[in-house]
Amino acid sequence: MHIGLVATAIPLLTKLLPLKRLLQMLTPTANFHPYKSISPEQVIELVRRKLYRPRQMRRRACLREGLTLFYFLRLAGTPAEIHIAVHNPTVNTKRIHAHCWVVLDGVPITEPISGPNTTILTYG
């Protein structure tokens, strides 16, 4: 149920808050790990199952999944990192193209992306 609530709130929060503030909100304090007994594999499976067919943020599904995974992995005490690749605009400068993925111990757990005109931001 908690995953559903967070996943439902993220589309609204992405419209209301700058990304830096949103990431700060989704980073629990160092001593707060209510899901410590849940393994990272279980967290990943639960989040993916809940977000399998998104009704909201279809075009930004990677951001929604990445933010949700990051939050719940951190609540489980797992030091997850979130990576965001921003592609330099080529034709349409009014629209930003980006991709988001989550990394655990240097290994991507969601699909990463890179390219020649890409700036990668890391948080966590």
C-alpha atoms as a PDB file:
ATOM      1  CA  MET A   1       0.000   0.000   0.000  1.00  0.00           C
ATOM      2  CA  HIS A   2       2.862   2.363   0.850  1.00  0.00           C
ATOM      3  CA  ILE A   3       4.395   1.813  -2.607  1.00  0.00           C
ATOM      4  CA  GLY A   4       1.070   2.679  -4.231  1.00  0.00           C
ATOM      5  CA  LEU A   5       0.752   5.914  -2.249  1.00  0.00           C
ATOM      6  CA  VAL A   6       4.273   7.060  -3.086  1.00  0.00           C
ATOM      7  CA  ALA A   7       3.954   6.065  -6.742  1.00  0.00           C
ATOM      8  CA  THR A   8       0.706   8.028  -6.964  1.00  0.00           C
ATOM      9  CA  ALA A   9       2.245  11.118  -5.329  1.00  0.00           C
ATOM     10  CA  ILE A  10       5.392  11.231  -7.472  1.00  0.00           C
ATOM     11  CA  PRO A  11       3.720  12.587 -10.657  1.00  0.00           C
ATOM     12  CA  LEU A  12       2.274  15.479  -8.656  1.00  0.00           C
ATOM     13  CA  LEU A  13       5.512  16.103  -6.778  1.00  0.00           C
ATOM     14  CA  THR A  14       7.536  16.212 -10.011  1.00  0.00           C
ATOM     15  CA  LYS A  15       5.307  19.050 -11.202  1.00  0.00           C
ATOM     16  CA  LEU A  16       5.414  21.003  -7.935  1.00  0.00           C
ATOM     17  CA  LEU A  17       9.012  20.624  -6.763  1.00  0.00           C
ATOM     18  CA  PRO A  18      12.416  21.083  -8.344  1.00  0.00           C
ATOM     19  CA  LEU A  19      14.269  17.796  -8.763  1.00  0.00           C
ATOM     20  CA  LYS A  20      16.856  18.609  -6.082  1.00  0.00           C
ATOM     21  CA  ARG A  21      14.150  19.235  -3.468  1.00  0.00           C
ATOM     22  CA  LEU A  22      12.242  16.106  -4.513  1.00  0.00           C
ATOM     23  CA  LEU A  23      15.358  13.955  -4.134  1.00  0.00           C
ATOM     24  CA  GLN A  24      15.995  15.438  -0.699  1.00  0.00           C
ATOM     25  CA  MET A  25      12.418  14.578   0.304  1.00  0.00           C
ATOM     26  CA  LEU A  26      12.840  11.010  -0.944  1.00  0.00           C
ATOM     27  CA  THR A  27      16.065  10.479   1.003  1.00  0.00           C
ATOM     28  CA  PRO A  28      15.268   9.185   4.494  1.00  0.00           C
ATOM     29  CA  THR A  29      17.486  10.126   7.420  1.00  0.00           C
ATOM     30  CA  ALA A  30      20.480   7.889   8.134  1.00  0.00           C
ATOM     31  CA  ASN A  31      18.803   6.083  11.044  1.00  0.00           C
ATOM     32  CA  PHE A  32      15.319   5.612   9.577  1.00  0.00           C
ATOM     33  CA  HIS A  33      15.046   2.159   7.949  1.00  0.00           C
ATOM     34  CA  PRO A  34      11.553   0.755   8.576  1.00  0.00           C
ATOM     35  CA  TYR A  35      11.966  -1.865   5.821  1.00  0.00           C
ATOM     36  CA  LYS A  36      15.412  -3.083   6.889  1.00  0.00           C
ATOM     37  CA  SER A  37      14.182  -6.694   7.007  1.00  0.00           C
ATOM     38  CA  ILE A  38      13.264  -6.602   3.298  1.00  0.00           C
ATOM     39  CA  SER A  39      16.035  -7.528   0.854  1.00  0.00           C
ATOM     40  CA  PRO A  40      16.873  -5.240  -2.086  1.00  0.00           C
ATOM     41  CA  GLU A  41      15.637  -7.970  -4.461  1.00  0.00           C
ATOM     42  CA  GLN A  42      12.254  -8.029  -2.716  1.00  0.00           C
ATOM     43  CA  VAL A  43      11.995  -4.222  -2.816  1.00  0.00           C
ATOM     44  CA  ILE A  44      12.793  -4.204  -6.543  1.00  0.00           C
ATOM     45  CA  GLU A  45      10.205  -6.919  -7.238  1.00  0.00           C
ATOM     46  CA  LEU A  46       7.474  -5.191  -5.190  1.00  0.00           C
ATOM     47  CA  VAL A  47       8.043  -1.809  -6.854  1.00  0.00           C
ATOM     48  CA  ARG A  48       8.191  -3.264 -10.359  1.00  0.00           C
ATOM     49  CA  ARG A  49       5.027  -5.269  -9.777  1.00  0.00           C
ATOM     50  CA  LYS A  50       3.205  -2.167  -8.542  1.00  0.00           C
ATOM     51  CA  LEU A  51       4.399   0.009 -11.443  1.00  0.00           C
ATOM     52  CA  TYR A  52       4.035  -2.631 -14.165  1.00  0.00           C
ATOM     53  CA  ARG A  53       1.426  -0.757 -16.221  1.00  0.00           C
ATOM     54  CA  PRO A  54       1.594   2.924 -15.347  1.00  0.00           C
ATOM     55  CA  ARG A  55      -1.472   5.056 -15.890  1.00  0.00           C
ATOM     56  CA  GLN A  56       0.389   8.208 -14.954  1.00  0.00           C
ATOM     57  CA  MET A  57       3.745   9.397 -16.266  1.00  0.00           C
ATOM     58  CA  ARG A  58       3.786   6.935 -19.170  1.00  0.00           C
ATOM     59  CA  ARG A  59       6.290   9.064 -21.047  1.00  0.00           C
ATOM     60  CA  ARG A  60       8.415   9.430 -17.914  1.00  0.00           C
ATOM     61  CA  ALA A  61       8.027   5.904 -16.541  1.00  0.00           C
ATOM     62  CA  CYS A  62      11.767   5.621 -15.886  1.00  0.00           C
ATOM     63  CA  LEU A  63      11.640   8.690 -13.606  1.00  0.00           C
ATOM     64  CA  ARG A  64       8.659   7.398 -11.669  1.00  0.00           C
ATOM     65  CA  GLU A  65      10.199   3.937 -11.286  1.00  0.00           C
ATOM     66  CA  GLY A  66      13.620   5.356 -10.436  1.00  0.00           C
ATOM     67  CA  LEU A  67      12.342   7.715  -7.757  1.00  0.00           C
ATOM     68  CA  THR A  68      10.097   5.044  -6.219  1.00  0.00           C
ATOM     69  CA  LEU A  69      12.875   2.427  -6.213  1.00  0.00           C
ATOM     70  CA  PHE A  70      15.380   4.893  -4.779  1.00  0.00           C
ATOM     71  CA  TYR A  71      13.026   5.821  -1.938  1.00  0.00           C
ATOM     72  CA  PHE A  72      12.096   2.287  -0.932  1.00  0.00           C
ATOM     73  CA  LEU A  73      15.623   0.910  -1.260  1.00  0.00           C
ATOM     74  CA  ARG A  74      16.811   3.691   1.027  1.00  0.00           C
ATOM     75  CA  LEU A  75      13.992   2.896   3.489  1.00  0.00           C
ATOM     76  CA  ALA A  76      15.295  -0.686   3.477  1.00  0.00           C
ATOM     77  CA  GLY A  77      18.761   0.582   4.382  1.00  0.00           C
ATOM     78  CA  THR A  78      20.256  -0.067   0.935  1.00  0.00           C
ATOM     79  CA  PRO A  79      22.658   2.649  -0.340  1.00  0.00           C
ATOM     80  CA  ALA A  80      21.024   3.149  -3.728  1.00  0.00           C
ATOM     81  CA  GLU A  81      22.055   5.875  -6.155  1.00  0.00           C
ATOM     82  CA  ILE A  82      19.866   7.500  -8.744  1.00  0.00           C
ATOM     83  CA  HIS A  83      21.396   8.514 -12.078  1.00  0.00           C
ATOM     84  CA  ILE A  84      19.816  10.915 -14.534  1.00  0.00           C
ATOM     85  CA  ALA A  85      21.161  11.338 -18.051  1.00  0.00           C
ATOM     86  CA  VAL A  86      20.209  14.552 -19.780  1.00  0.00           C
ATOM     87  CA  HIS A  87      20.687  14.581 -23.531  1.00  0.00           C
ATOM     88  CA  ASN A  88      21.863  17.823 -25.059  1.00  0.00           C
ATOM     89  CA  PRO A  89      19.136  19.243 -27.299  1.00  0.00           C
ATOM     90  CA  THR A  90      19.753  18.718 -30.986  1.00  0.00           C
ATOM     91  CA  VAL A  91      16.671  19.864 -32.876  1.00  0.00           C
ATOM     92  CA  ASN A  92      14.002  20.947 -30.405  1.00  0.00           C
ATOM     93  CA  THR A  93      15.622  23.111 -27.724  1.00  0.00           C
ATOM     94  CA  LYS A  94      12.314  23.612 -25.889  1.00  0.00           C
ATOM     95  CA  ARG A  95      12.096  19.984 -24.868  1.00  0.00           C
ATOM     96  CA  ILE A  96      14.571  18.160 -22.651  1.00  0.00           C
ATOM     97  CA  HIS A  97      15.188  14.462 -23.209  1.00  0.00           C
ATOM     98  CA  ALA A  98      16.399  12.530 -20.195  1.00  0.00           C
ATOM     99  CA  HIS A  99      16.540   9.048 -18.712  1.00  0.00           C
ATOM    100  CA  CYS A 100      16.662   7.859 -15.112  1.00  0.00           C
ATOM    101  CA  TRP A 101      17.997   4.648 -13.584  1.00  0.00           C
ATOM    102  CA  VAL A 102      18.984   3.266 -10.172  1.00  0.00           C
ATOM    103  CA  VAL A 103      22.369   1.793  -9.247  1.00  0.00           C
ATOM    104  CA  LEU A 104      23.276  -0.522  -6.341  1.00  0.00           C
ATOM    105  CA  ASP A 105      26.957  -1.091  -5.567  1.00  0.00           C
ATOM    106  CA  GLY A 106      27.953   0.199  -9.001  1.00  0.00           C
ATOM    107  CA  VAL A 107      25.542  -2.132 -10.834  1.00  0.00           C
ATOM    108  CA  PRO A 108      22.466  -0.686 -12.609  1.00  0.00           C
ATOM    109  CA  ILE A 109      19.220  -2.347 -11.513  1.00  0.00           C
ATOM    110  CA  THR A 110      17.149  -0.509 -14.092  1.00  0.00           C
ATOM    111  CA  GLU A 111      18.114   0.103 -17.708  1.00  0.00           C
ATOM    112  CA  PRO A 112      20.960   2.657 -17.988  1.00  0.00           C
ATOM    113  CA  ILE A 113      21.634   4.863 -20.972  1.00  0.00           C
ATOM    114  CA  SER A 114      24.575   6.852 -22.254  1.00  0.00           C
ATOM    115  CA  GLY A 115      25.509   8.655 -25.382  1.00  0.00           C
ATOM    116  CA  PRO A 116      27.887  11.165 -26.913  1.00  0.00           C
ATOM    117  CA  ASN A 117      25.820  14.254 -26.038  1.00  0.00           C
ATOM    118  CA  THR A 118      24.739  13.179 -22.566  1.00  0.00           C
ATOM    119  CA  THR A 119      25.322  14.713 -19.156  1.00  0.00           C
ATOM    120  CA  ILE A 120      24.909  12.251 -16.278  1.00  0.00           C
ATOM    121  CA  LEU A 121      23.900  13.463 -12.822  1.00  0.00           C
ATOM    122  CA  THR A 122      24.261  11.167  -9.803  1.00  0.00           C
ATOM    123  CA  TYR A 123      22.459  11.496  -6.476  1.00  0.00           C
ATOM    124  CA  GLY A 124      22.846   9.336  -3.412  1.00  0.00           C
END
